[in-house]
N, C-alpha and C. Protein backbone atom coordinates (compact mmCIF):
# COMPACT_ATOMS: atom_id res chain seq x y z
N MET A 1 7.74 -92.30 51.84
CA MET A 1 8.53 -92.20 50.62
C MET A 1 8.92 -90.74 50.38
N GLY A 2 7.98 -89.79 50.54
CA GLY A 2 8.30 -88.38 50.45
C GLY A 2 8.57 -87.84 49.06
N ARG A 3 8.14 -88.57 48.02
CA ARG A 3 8.34 -88.10 46.65
C ARG A 3 7.01 -88.14 45.92
N ASP A 4 6.84 -87.21 44.99
CA ASP A 4 5.60 -87.13 44.23
C ASP A 4 5.83 -87.62 42.81
N TYR A 5 4.88 -88.42 42.33
CA TYR A 5 4.91 -88.93 40.96
C TYR A 5 3.66 -88.45 40.23
N TYR A 6 3.82 -88.19 38.95
CA TYR A 6 2.73 -87.73 38.11
C TYR A 6 2.62 -88.64 36.89
N SER A 7 1.48 -88.59 36.23
CA SER A 7 1.25 -89.44 35.07
C SER A 7 1.00 -88.58 33.84
N CYS A 8 1.70 -88.90 32.76
CA CYS A 8 1.51 -88.18 31.50
C CYS A 8 0.20 -88.63 30.86
N PRO A 9 -0.72 -87.69 30.56
CA PRO A 9 -1.98 -88.09 29.94
C PRO A 9 -1.83 -88.56 28.49
N GLY A 10 -0.70 -88.23 27.85
CA GLY A 10 -0.51 -88.62 26.46
C GLY A 10 0.05 -90.02 26.28
N CYS A 11 1.08 -90.37 27.09
CA CYS A 11 1.76 -91.65 26.89
C CYS A 11 1.69 -92.58 28.09
N GLY A 12 1.21 -92.07 29.22
CA GLY A 12 1.08 -92.92 30.40
C GLY A 12 2.33 -93.02 31.26
N LEU A 13 3.43 -92.33 30.89
CA LEU A 13 4.64 -92.35 31.70
C LEU A 13 4.33 -91.84 33.10
N VAL A 14 4.86 -92.52 34.11
CA VAL A 14 4.74 -92.07 35.49
C VAL A 14 6.12 -91.51 35.86
N PHE A 15 6.17 -90.23 36.24
CA PHE A 15 7.46 -89.59 36.45
C PHE A 15 7.51 -88.83 37.78
N MET A 16 8.71 -88.85 38.37
CA MET A 16 8.93 -88.16 39.63
C MET A 16 8.98 -86.65 39.41
N ASP A 17 8.48 -85.91 40.38
CA ASP A 17 8.60 -84.46 40.38
C ASP A 17 10.08 -84.11 40.19
N PRO A 18 10.44 -83.39 39.11
CA PRO A 18 11.85 -83.09 38.84
C PRO A 18 12.56 -82.39 40.00
N GLY A 19 11.83 -81.63 40.80
CA GLY A 19 12.44 -80.94 41.94
C GLY A 19 12.84 -81.87 43.07
N GLN A 20 12.41 -83.14 43.00
CA GLN A 20 12.72 -84.10 44.06
C GLN A 20 13.79 -85.11 43.65
N ARG A 21 14.37 -84.93 42.48
CA ARG A 21 15.41 -85.85 42.02
C ARG A 21 16.71 -85.63 42.77
N LEU A 22 17.52 -86.68 42.81
CA LEU A 22 18.86 -86.56 43.38
C LEU A 22 19.74 -85.73 42.44
N ASN A 23 20.77 -85.11 43.01
CA ASN A 23 21.73 -84.44 42.14
C ASN A 23 22.67 -85.51 41.57
N PRO A 24 23.44 -85.19 40.52
CA PRO A 24 24.26 -86.21 39.86
C PRO A 24 25.23 -86.95 40.79
N LEU A 25 25.83 -86.25 41.76
CA LEU A 25 26.76 -86.92 42.67
C LEU A 25 26.04 -87.93 43.57
N GLU A 26 24.87 -87.54 44.08
CA GLU A 26 24.08 -88.46 44.90
C GLU A 26 23.63 -89.67 44.08
N GLU A 27 23.25 -89.40 42.84
CA GLU A 27 22.79 -90.47 41.97
C GLU A 27 23.92 -91.47 41.71
N LYS A 28 25.10 -90.97 41.37
CA LYS A 28 26.25 -91.85 41.10
C LYS A 28 26.61 -92.66 42.35
N ASP A 29 26.57 -92.03 43.51
CA ASP A 29 26.86 -92.74 44.76
C ASP A 29 25.92 -93.92 44.96
N ARG A 30 24.65 -93.74 44.64
CA ARG A 30 23.67 -94.84 44.76
C ARG A 30 24.06 -96.01 43.86
N TYR A 31 24.50 -95.70 42.64
CA TYR A 31 24.84 -96.76 41.69
C TYR A 31 26.09 -97.53 42.11
N THR A 32 27.03 -96.85 42.77
CA THR A 32 28.25 -97.55 43.19
C THR A 32 27.96 -98.52 44.33
N MET A 33 26.81 -98.40 44.97
CA MET A 33 26.44 -99.33 46.05
C MET A 33 25.88 -100.64 45.50
N HIS A 34 25.57 -100.71 44.21
CA HIS A 34 25.04 -101.94 43.63
C HIS A 34 26.10 -103.03 43.66
N GLU A 35 25.69 -104.24 43.95
CA GLU A 35 26.60 -105.39 44.01
C GLU A 35 26.44 -106.25 42.76
N ASN A 36 26.53 -105.64 41.59
CA ASN A 36 26.25 -106.34 40.34
C ASN A 36 27.47 -106.97 39.70
N HIS A 37 28.56 -107.08 40.43
CA HIS A 37 29.78 -107.63 39.85
C HIS A 37 30.02 -109.08 40.27
N ILE A 38 29.13 -109.61 41.07
CA ILE A 38 29.29 -110.97 41.55
C ILE A 38 28.41 -111.89 40.71
N PRO A 39 29.01 -112.85 39.98
CA PRO A 39 28.20 -113.70 39.09
C PRO A 39 27.49 -114.83 39.83
N ASP A 40 26.64 -114.46 40.81
CA ASP A 40 25.92 -115.50 41.53
C ASP A 40 24.72 -115.96 40.72
N PRO A 41 24.23 -117.17 40.97
CA PRO A 41 23.12 -117.72 40.16
C PRO A 41 21.88 -116.84 40.16
N GLY A 42 21.56 -116.21 41.28
CA GLY A 42 20.37 -115.35 41.34
C GLY A 42 20.49 -114.15 40.42
N TYR A 43 21.66 -113.52 40.40
CA TYR A 43 21.85 -112.36 39.55
C TYR A 43 21.88 -112.77 38.07
N LEU A 44 22.50 -113.91 37.78
CA LEU A 44 22.52 -114.38 36.39
C LEU A 44 21.11 -114.71 35.90
N HIS A 45 20.28 -115.27 36.78
CA HIS A 45 18.88 -115.53 36.41
C HIS A 45 18.16 -114.21 36.15
N PHE A 46 18.42 -113.21 36.99
CA PHE A 46 17.84 -111.89 36.81
C PHE A 46 18.19 -111.33 35.42
N LEU A 47 19.48 -111.40 35.03
CA LEU A 47 19.89 -110.92 33.72
C LEU A 47 19.21 -111.71 32.61
N ASP A 48 19.02 -113.00 32.83
CA ASP A 48 18.40 -113.84 31.79
C ASP A 48 16.94 -113.50 31.54
N THR A 49 16.29 -112.78 32.47
CA THR A 49 14.92 -112.35 32.18
C THR A 49 14.89 -111.38 31.00
N LEU A 50 16.02 -110.74 30.72
CA LEU A 50 16.17 -109.93 29.52
C LEU A 50 16.89 -110.69 28.41
N LEU A 51 17.99 -111.35 28.76
CA LEU A 51 18.86 -111.92 27.73
C LEU A 51 18.25 -113.10 27.00
N GLU A 52 17.53 -113.96 27.70
CA GLU A 52 16.94 -115.12 27.01
C GLU A 52 15.95 -114.70 25.93
N PRO A 53 14.98 -113.83 26.21
CA PRO A 53 14.11 -113.41 25.10
C PRO A 53 14.85 -112.59 24.04
N LEU A 54 15.83 -111.77 24.45
CA LEU A 54 16.60 -110.98 23.48
C LEU A 54 17.33 -111.89 22.50
N MET A 55 17.97 -112.95 23.00
CA MET A 55 18.76 -113.83 22.14
C MET A 55 17.90 -114.60 21.14
N GLU A 56 16.61 -114.69 21.40
CA GLU A 56 15.70 -115.33 20.43
C GLU A 56 15.61 -114.54 19.13
N PHE A 57 15.93 -113.24 19.19
CA PHE A 57 15.70 -112.34 18.05
C PHE A 57 16.97 -111.78 17.44
N ILE A 58 18.14 -112.16 17.94
CA ILE A 58 19.38 -111.59 17.41
C ILE A 58 20.28 -112.68 16.85
N PRO A 59 21.06 -112.36 15.82
CA PRO A 59 21.96 -113.36 15.24
C PRO A 59 23.07 -113.75 16.22
N ARG A 60 23.34 -115.03 16.29
CA ARG A 60 24.42 -115.51 17.14
C ARG A 60 25.74 -114.86 16.72
N GLY A 61 26.49 -114.39 17.70
CA GLY A 61 27.78 -113.76 17.42
C GLY A 61 27.71 -112.31 16.99
N SER A 62 26.52 -111.73 16.95
CA SER A 62 26.38 -110.35 16.48
C SER A 62 26.92 -109.35 17.51
N THR A 63 27.04 -108.11 17.07
CA THR A 63 27.58 -107.05 17.93
C THR A 63 26.46 -106.20 18.50
N GLY A 64 26.53 -105.98 19.81
CA GLY A 64 25.52 -105.19 20.48
C GLY A 64 26.12 -104.14 21.39
N LEU A 65 25.23 -103.36 21.98
CA LEU A 65 25.60 -102.29 22.91
C LEU A 65 24.83 -102.51 24.20
N ASP A 66 25.55 -102.56 25.31
CA ASP A 66 24.92 -102.57 26.64
C ASP A 66 24.84 -101.12 27.09
N TYR A 67 23.64 -100.56 27.01
CA TYR A 67 23.41 -99.15 27.29
C TYR A 67 23.05 -98.99 28.77
N GLY A 68 23.91 -98.26 29.51
CA GLY A 68 23.71 -98.13 30.94
C GLY A 68 24.33 -99.29 31.68
N SER A 69 25.56 -99.61 31.32
CA SER A 69 26.22 -100.82 31.81
C SER A 69 26.54 -100.77 33.29
N GLY A 70 26.58 -99.58 33.90
CA GLY A 70 26.86 -99.46 35.31
C GLY A 70 28.34 -99.62 35.62
N PRO A 71 28.69 -99.62 36.92
CA PRO A 71 30.09 -99.71 37.29
C PRO A 71 30.69 -101.10 37.04
N TYR A 72 29.86 -102.12 36.98
CA TYR A 72 30.30 -103.50 36.75
C TYR A 72 29.51 -104.06 35.58
N PRO A 73 30.04 -104.03 34.35
CA PRO A 73 29.26 -104.44 33.18
C PRO A 73 29.08 -105.96 33.06
N MET A 74 28.36 -106.52 34.03
CA MET A 74 28.17 -107.96 34.07
C MET A 74 27.36 -108.48 32.88
N LEU A 75 26.35 -107.72 32.44
CA LEU A 75 25.56 -108.15 31.28
C LEU A 75 26.46 -108.29 30.06
N ALA A 76 27.34 -107.32 29.84
CA ALA A 76 28.26 -107.38 28.71
C ALA A 76 29.17 -108.60 28.82
N GLN A 77 29.61 -108.91 30.05
CA GLN A 77 30.47 -110.07 30.25
C GLN A 77 29.72 -111.37 29.93
N VAL A 78 28.48 -111.46 30.38
CA VAL A 78 27.68 -112.66 30.11
C VAL A 78 27.48 -112.84 28.61
N MET A 79 27.15 -111.76 27.91
CA MET A 79 26.95 -111.87 26.46
C MET A 79 28.26 -112.18 25.73
N THR A 80 29.37 -111.63 26.18
CA THR A 80 30.67 -111.96 25.60
C THR A 80 30.97 -113.45 25.80
N ASP A 81 30.69 -113.95 27.01
CA ASP A 81 30.90 -115.37 27.29
C ASP A 81 30.02 -116.26 26.41
N ARG A 82 28.90 -115.72 25.95
CA ARG A 82 27.99 -116.49 25.10
C ARG A 82 28.30 -116.32 23.62
N GLY A 83 29.38 -115.62 23.30
CA GLY A 83 29.82 -115.54 21.92
C GLY A 83 29.43 -114.28 21.17
N TYR A 84 28.93 -113.26 21.88
CA TYR A 84 28.55 -112.01 21.24
C TYR A 84 29.65 -110.97 21.45
N SER A 85 29.71 -109.99 20.58
CA SER A 85 30.62 -108.87 20.74
C SER A 85 29.81 -107.72 21.34
N VAL A 86 30.36 -107.10 22.40
CA VAL A 86 29.57 -106.10 23.14
C VAL A 86 30.40 -104.86 23.42
N GLU A 87 29.84 -103.70 23.09
CA GLU A 87 30.37 -102.42 23.56
C GLU A 87 29.52 -101.99 24.74
N ILE A 88 30.10 -101.14 25.60
CA ILE A 88 29.34 -100.64 26.74
C ILE A 88 29.27 -99.13 26.69
N PHE A 89 28.19 -98.61 27.26
CA PHE A 89 28.04 -97.17 27.46
C PHE A 89 27.33 -96.96 28.79
N ASP A 90 27.82 -96.00 29.55
CA ASP A 90 27.15 -95.58 30.77
C ASP A 90 27.53 -94.12 31.00
N PRO A 91 26.56 -93.25 31.26
CA PRO A 91 26.89 -91.83 31.41
C PRO A 91 27.83 -91.53 32.57
N PHE A 92 27.85 -92.39 33.60
CA PHE A 92 28.73 -92.18 34.74
C PHE A 92 30.02 -93.00 34.67
N PHE A 93 29.93 -94.24 34.21
CA PHE A 93 31.04 -95.18 34.36
C PHE A 93 31.73 -95.56 33.05
N ALA A 94 31.12 -95.32 31.93
CA ALA A 94 31.72 -95.57 30.61
C ALA A 94 31.16 -94.54 29.64
N PRO A 95 31.49 -93.24 29.86
CA PRO A 95 30.81 -92.17 29.13
C PRO A 95 31.27 -91.94 27.70
N ARG A 96 32.32 -92.63 27.24
CA ARG A 96 32.75 -92.43 25.86
C ARG A 96 31.65 -92.92 24.90
N SER A 97 31.35 -92.12 23.92
CA SER A 97 30.30 -92.49 22.96
C SER A 97 30.66 -93.79 22.26
N PRO A 98 29.69 -94.66 22.03
CA PRO A 98 29.96 -95.90 21.29
C PRO A 98 30.55 -95.62 19.92
N ARG A 99 31.41 -96.54 19.46
CA ARG A 99 32.09 -96.36 18.17
C ARG A 99 31.13 -96.49 17.00
N SER A 100 30.04 -97.20 17.22
CA SER A 100 29.10 -97.49 16.13
C SER A 100 27.75 -96.85 16.43
N THR A 101 26.98 -96.65 15.40
CA THR A 101 25.56 -96.30 15.56
C THR A 101 24.75 -97.28 14.74
N ASP A 102 25.26 -98.48 14.62
CA ASP A 102 24.67 -99.46 13.72
C ASP A 102 24.74 -100.86 14.35
N PHE A 103 24.20 -100.99 15.57
CA PHE A 103 24.29 -102.25 16.30
C PHE A 103 23.16 -103.20 15.92
N SER A 104 23.46 -104.48 15.90
CA SER A 104 22.42 -105.49 15.68
C SER A 104 21.44 -105.53 16.84
N TRP A 105 21.93 -105.20 18.01
CA TRP A 105 21.07 -105.20 19.20
C TRP A 105 21.61 -104.22 20.24
N VAL A 106 20.69 -103.74 21.05
CA VAL A 106 21.01 -102.88 22.19
C VAL A 106 20.26 -103.43 23.38
N SER A 107 20.96 -103.56 24.51
CA SER A 107 20.31 -103.97 25.76
C SER A 107 20.27 -102.78 26.70
N CYS A 108 19.22 -102.73 27.48
CA CYS A 108 19.01 -101.65 28.44
C CYS A 108 18.35 -102.29 29.66
N CYS A 109 19.18 -102.76 30.59
CA CYS A 109 18.69 -103.56 31.72
C CYS A 109 18.62 -102.74 33.00
N GLU A 110 17.40 -102.49 33.47
CA GLU A 110 17.18 -101.73 34.70
C GLU A 110 17.83 -100.34 34.60
N VAL A 111 17.64 -99.70 33.46
CA VAL A 111 18.23 -98.39 33.20
C VAL A 111 17.16 -97.36 32.85
N ALA A 112 16.14 -97.75 32.10
CA ALA A 112 15.14 -96.80 31.60
C ALA A 112 14.43 -96.06 32.73
N GLU A 113 14.32 -96.68 33.89
CA GLU A 113 13.65 -96.02 35.01
C GLU A 113 14.49 -94.87 35.59
N HIS A 114 15.77 -94.79 35.18
CA HIS A 114 16.67 -93.72 35.64
C HIS A 114 16.73 -92.54 34.67
N PHE A 115 16.00 -92.60 33.56
CA PHE A 115 16.09 -91.56 32.54
C PHE A 115 15.48 -90.24 33.04
N TYR A 116 16.32 -89.21 33.18
CA TYR A 116 15.84 -87.89 33.58
C TYR A 116 15.13 -87.19 32.41
N LYS A 117 15.56 -87.49 31.19
CA LYS A 117 14.93 -86.94 29.99
C LYS A 117 14.51 -88.14 29.14
N PRO A 118 13.42 -88.81 29.52
CA PRO A 118 13.12 -90.11 28.91
C PRO A 118 12.98 -90.09 27.39
N LEU A 119 12.30 -89.12 26.83
CA LEU A 119 12.13 -89.13 25.37
C LEU A 119 13.48 -88.98 24.67
N GLU A 120 14.32 -88.08 25.17
CA GLU A 120 15.66 -87.91 24.60
C GLU A 120 16.46 -89.21 24.69
N ASP A 121 16.41 -89.85 25.85
CA ASP A 121 17.16 -91.09 26.05
C ASP A 121 16.65 -92.21 25.16
N TRP A 122 15.33 -92.34 25.04
CA TRP A 122 14.77 -93.37 24.17
C TRP A 122 15.13 -93.12 22.71
N GLU A 123 15.11 -91.85 22.28
CA GLU A 123 15.51 -91.53 20.91
C GLU A 123 16.97 -91.89 20.69
N ARG A 124 17.80 -91.65 21.70
CA ARG A 124 19.21 -92.02 21.59
C ARG A 124 19.37 -93.54 21.50
N LEU A 125 18.64 -94.27 22.34
CA LEU A 125 18.68 -95.74 22.28
C LEU A 125 18.36 -96.22 20.87
N ALA A 126 17.27 -95.74 20.32
CA ALA A 126 16.83 -96.18 18.99
C ALA A 126 17.84 -95.80 17.91
N SER A 127 18.56 -94.69 18.11
CA SER A 127 19.51 -94.23 17.09
C SER A 127 20.70 -95.17 16.95
N PHE A 128 20.95 -96.03 17.92
CA PHE A 128 22.07 -96.97 17.85
C PHE A 128 21.74 -98.24 17.07
N LEU A 129 20.49 -98.42 16.70
CA LEU A 129 20.07 -99.66 16.05
C LEU A 129 20.30 -99.64 14.54
N ALA A 130 20.85 -100.73 14.03
CA ALA A 130 20.90 -100.94 12.60
C ALA A 130 19.49 -101.20 12.09
N PRO A 131 19.23 -101.08 10.79
CA PRO A 131 17.92 -101.48 10.27
C PRO A 131 17.61 -102.92 10.71
N ARG A 132 16.41 -103.12 11.21
CA ARG A 132 15.93 -104.41 11.74
C ARG A 132 16.66 -104.81 13.03
N GLY A 133 17.41 -103.86 13.61
CA GLY A 133 18.08 -104.12 14.89
C GLY A 133 17.06 -104.29 16.00
N VAL A 134 17.51 -104.90 17.09
CA VAL A 134 16.62 -105.26 18.19
C VAL A 134 17.05 -104.54 19.47
N LEU A 135 16.07 -103.97 20.15
CA LEU A 135 16.29 -103.28 21.43
C LEU A 135 15.58 -104.06 22.52
N GLY A 136 16.35 -104.52 23.51
CA GLY A 136 15.78 -105.25 24.64
C GLY A 136 15.85 -104.40 25.89
N VAL A 137 14.70 -104.16 26.50
CA VAL A 137 14.62 -103.30 27.69
C VAL A 137 14.01 -104.08 28.84
N ARG A 138 14.72 -104.09 29.97
CA ARG A 138 14.16 -104.68 31.18
C ARG A 138 13.87 -103.56 32.16
N THR A 139 12.59 -103.37 32.45
CA THR A 139 12.13 -102.44 33.47
C THR A 139 10.75 -102.92 33.89
N ASN A 140 10.49 -102.97 35.17
CA ASN A 140 9.17 -103.41 35.65
C ASN A 140 8.11 -102.40 35.24
N LEU A 141 7.06 -102.89 34.62
CA LEU A 141 5.98 -102.01 34.18
C LEU A 141 4.99 -101.79 35.32
N VAL A 142 4.44 -100.58 35.35
CA VAL A 142 3.37 -100.27 36.31
C VAL A 142 2.16 -101.11 35.91
N LYS A 143 1.61 -101.84 36.86
CA LYS A 143 0.47 -102.70 36.55
C LYS A 143 -0.78 -101.86 36.30
N PRO A 144 -1.64 -102.29 35.37
CA PRO A 144 -2.83 -101.50 35.04
C PRO A 144 -3.75 -101.28 36.23
N ASP A 145 -3.81 -102.25 37.15
CA ASP A 145 -4.74 -102.15 38.28
C ASP A 145 -4.05 -101.67 39.56
N MET A 146 -2.88 -101.06 39.45
CA MET A 146 -2.14 -100.64 40.63
C MET A 146 -2.78 -99.40 41.25
N THR A 147 -3.25 -99.55 42.46
CA THR A 147 -3.87 -98.44 43.19
C THR A 147 -2.76 -97.53 43.74
N PRO A 148 -3.11 -96.30 44.13
CA PRO A 148 -2.09 -95.42 44.74
C PRO A 148 -1.40 -96.06 45.95
N GLY A 149 -2.16 -96.78 46.77
CA GLY A 149 -1.57 -97.44 47.93
C GLY A 149 -0.57 -98.51 47.55
N LEU A 150 -0.93 -99.33 46.55
CA LEU A 150 0.00 -100.36 46.07
C LEU A 150 1.22 -99.73 45.43
N PHE A 151 1.02 -98.61 44.71
CA PHE A 151 2.15 -97.92 44.09
C PHE A 151 3.12 -97.44 45.16
N GLN A 152 2.60 -96.84 46.24
CA GLN A 152 3.46 -96.34 47.30
C GLN A 152 4.27 -97.46 47.96
N GLY A 153 3.72 -98.67 48.02
CA GLY A 153 4.41 -99.79 48.64
C GLY A 153 5.33 -100.55 47.70
N TRP A 154 5.25 -100.27 46.41
CA TRP A 154 6.03 -100.97 45.40
C TRP A 154 7.50 -100.54 45.52
N HIS A 155 8.42 -101.48 45.33
CA HIS A 155 9.85 -101.15 45.51
C HIS A 155 10.39 -100.19 44.45
N TYR A 156 9.79 -100.13 43.27
CA TYR A 156 10.33 -99.26 42.22
C TYR A 156 10.31 -97.78 42.61
N PRO A 157 9.16 -97.22 42.99
CA PRO A 157 9.18 -95.80 43.34
C PRO A 157 9.86 -95.51 44.67
N ARG A 158 10.19 -96.53 45.43
CA ARG A 158 10.89 -96.30 46.70
C ARG A 158 12.37 -96.00 46.48
N ASP A 159 12.88 -96.33 45.29
CA ASP A 159 14.27 -96.04 44.95
C ASP A 159 14.32 -94.59 44.44
N PRO A 160 15.08 -93.71 45.09
CA PRO A 160 15.07 -92.30 44.69
C PRO A 160 15.69 -92.04 43.32
N THR A 161 16.35 -93.04 42.72
CA THR A 161 16.90 -92.86 41.37
C THR A 161 15.90 -93.27 40.29
N HIS A 162 14.76 -93.84 40.69
CA HIS A 162 13.75 -94.26 39.72
C HIS A 162 12.81 -93.09 39.44
N VAL A 163 13.10 -92.38 38.37
CA VAL A 163 12.38 -91.15 38.07
C VAL A 163 11.39 -91.28 36.92
N SER A 164 11.48 -92.36 36.13
CA SER A 164 10.59 -92.57 34.98
C SER A 164 10.11 -94.02 34.99
N LEU A 165 8.82 -94.20 35.23
CA LEU A 165 8.24 -95.54 35.29
C LEU A 165 7.24 -95.68 34.15
N TYR A 166 7.16 -96.89 33.62
CA TYR A 166 6.46 -97.11 32.36
C TYR A 166 5.27 -98.03 32.53
N ARG A 167 4.27 -97.76 31.74
CA ARG A 167 3.12 -98.65 31.61
C ARG A 167 3.23 -99.36 30.26
N GLN A 168 2.39 -100.36 30.06
CA GLN A 168 2.34 -101.04 28.77
C GLN A 168 2.00 -100.03 27.68
N GLU A 169 1.08 -99.11 27.98
CA GLU A 169 0.69 -98.11 26.98
C GLU A 169 1.86 -97.16 26.66
N THR A 170 2.75 -96.92 27.62
CA THR A 170 3.92 -96.08 27.38
C THR A 170 4.83 -96.77 26.37
N MET A 171 5.03 -98.07 26.55
CA MET A 171 5.88 -98.81 25.61
C MET A 171 5.27 -98.80 24.21
N ALA A 172 3.96 -98.93 24.11
CA ALA A 172 3.30 -98.88 22.80
C ALA A 172 3.46 -97.49 22.18
N TRP A 173 3.34 -96.44 23.00
CA TRP A 173 3.53 -95.07 22.51
C TRP A 173 4.95 -94.88 22.00
N LEU A 174 5.94 -95.36 22.77
CA LEU A 174 7.33 -95.24 22.36
C LEU A 174 7.58 -95.98 21.05
N ALA A 175 7.01 -97.17 20.92
CA ALA A 175 7.19 -97.93 19.68
C ALA A 175 6.68 -97.13 18.49
N ARG A 176 5.51 -96.53 18.60
CA ARG A 176 4.96 -95.73 17.50
C ARG A 176 5.85 -94.52 17.21
N HIS A 177 6.25 -93.82 18.27
CA HIS A 177 7.05 -92.60 18.12
C HIS A 177 8.41 -92.88 17.49
N LEU A 178 9.01 -94.01 17.84
CA LEU A 178 10.37 -94.33 17.40
C LEU A 178 10.41 -95.24 16.18
N ASN A 179 9.25 -95.53 15.60
CA ASN A 179 9.16 -96.43 14.44
C ASN A 179 9.75 -97.81 14.77
N LEU A 180 9.35 -98.33 15.92
CA LEU A 180 9.75 -99.66 16.37
C LEU A 180 8.52 -100.55 16.46
N GLU A 181 8.76 -101.84 16.43
CA GLU A 181 7.68 -102.82 16.59
C GLU A 181 7.96 -103.61 17.86
N ILE A 182 6.96 -103.76 18.71
CA ILE A 182 7.11 -104.61 19.90
C ILE A 182 6.95 -106.05 19.44
N ILE A 183 8.01 -106.86 19.66
CA ILE A 183 7.97 -108.25 19.21
C ILE A 183 7.92 -109.23 20.38
N PHE A 184 8.07 -108.72 21.60
CA PHE A 184 7.96 -109.55 22.80
C PHE A 184 7.68 -108.62 23.97
N GLN A 185 6.79 -109.05 24.87
CA GLN A 185 6.56 -108.24 26.07
C GLN A 185 6.01 -109.11 27.18
N ASN A 186 6.53 -108.89 28.38
CA ASN A 186 5.94 -109.44 29.60
C ASN A 186 6.05 -108.34 30.66
N PRO A 187 5.66 -108.56 31.89
CA PRO A 187 5.67 -107.45 32.86
C PRO A 187 7.03 -106.83 33.17
N VAL A 188 8.14 -107.46 32.77
CA VAL A 188 9.45 -106.88 33.06
C VAL A 188 10.31 -106.63 31.83
N THR A 189 10.02 -107.27 30.72
CA THR A 189 10.88 -107.17 29.54
C THR A 189 10.07 -106.82 28.30
N THR A 190 10.57 -105.86 27.55
CA THR A 190 9.97 -105.51 26.26
C THR A 190 11.08 -105.55 25.20
N ILE A 191 10.81 -106.24 24.11
CA ILE A 191 11.76 -106.34 23.01
C ILE A 191 11.14 -105.63 21.80
N PHE A 192 11.90 -104.69 21.25
CA PHE A 192 11.47 -103.91 20.09
C PHE A 192 12.35 -104.28 18.88
N ARG A 193 11.80 -104.13 17.69
CA ARG A 193 12.60 -104.27 16.47
C ARG A 193 12.46 -103.00 15.64
N ALA A 194 13.58 -102.52 15.11
CA ALA A 194 13.57 -101.34 14.26
C ALA A 194 13.00 -101.66 12.90
N GLY A 195 12.41 -100.66 12.25
CA GLY A 195 11.83 -100.83 10.93
C GLY A 195 12.87 -100.92 9.85
């Protein structure tokens, strides 16, 4: 793998050595290789690991933000097809700031692991939520019993764009710091509600 990861003693975040990160052009090139524009059943099921629990907590037809939509905003398209209104934001592919800072919901699917400045990015995510708004994040959590050998073999740290990896305790820390409540969690999806 050739990359070093460290663990924050305060929040449990596992992060790549900043000196080993890709530069922005290399990072963008990696994202353009994703095949996320094809609505095949497997990819739609993958999106539903976030969208199904998220939709349990948001009003039908409400307006949300797909944060980190990528070059092919398939999640936004799926939610639009389901009757929701969706804005998109992506620092590389849709960099214009969202028109609102008062969304009923924000989705962040397979994006949080790419945060170079995770606390700043999480604070920005939370700032888009209306009071009682819901934030749905899909990112695989580091398992509590994951040994260094299992970590090295795990597909998440093998991706050179995955610079911030989260534990359950990291999500709990973020909830406290951002004045959010965790209302749903499994090993890949965490749903927060704003106070």
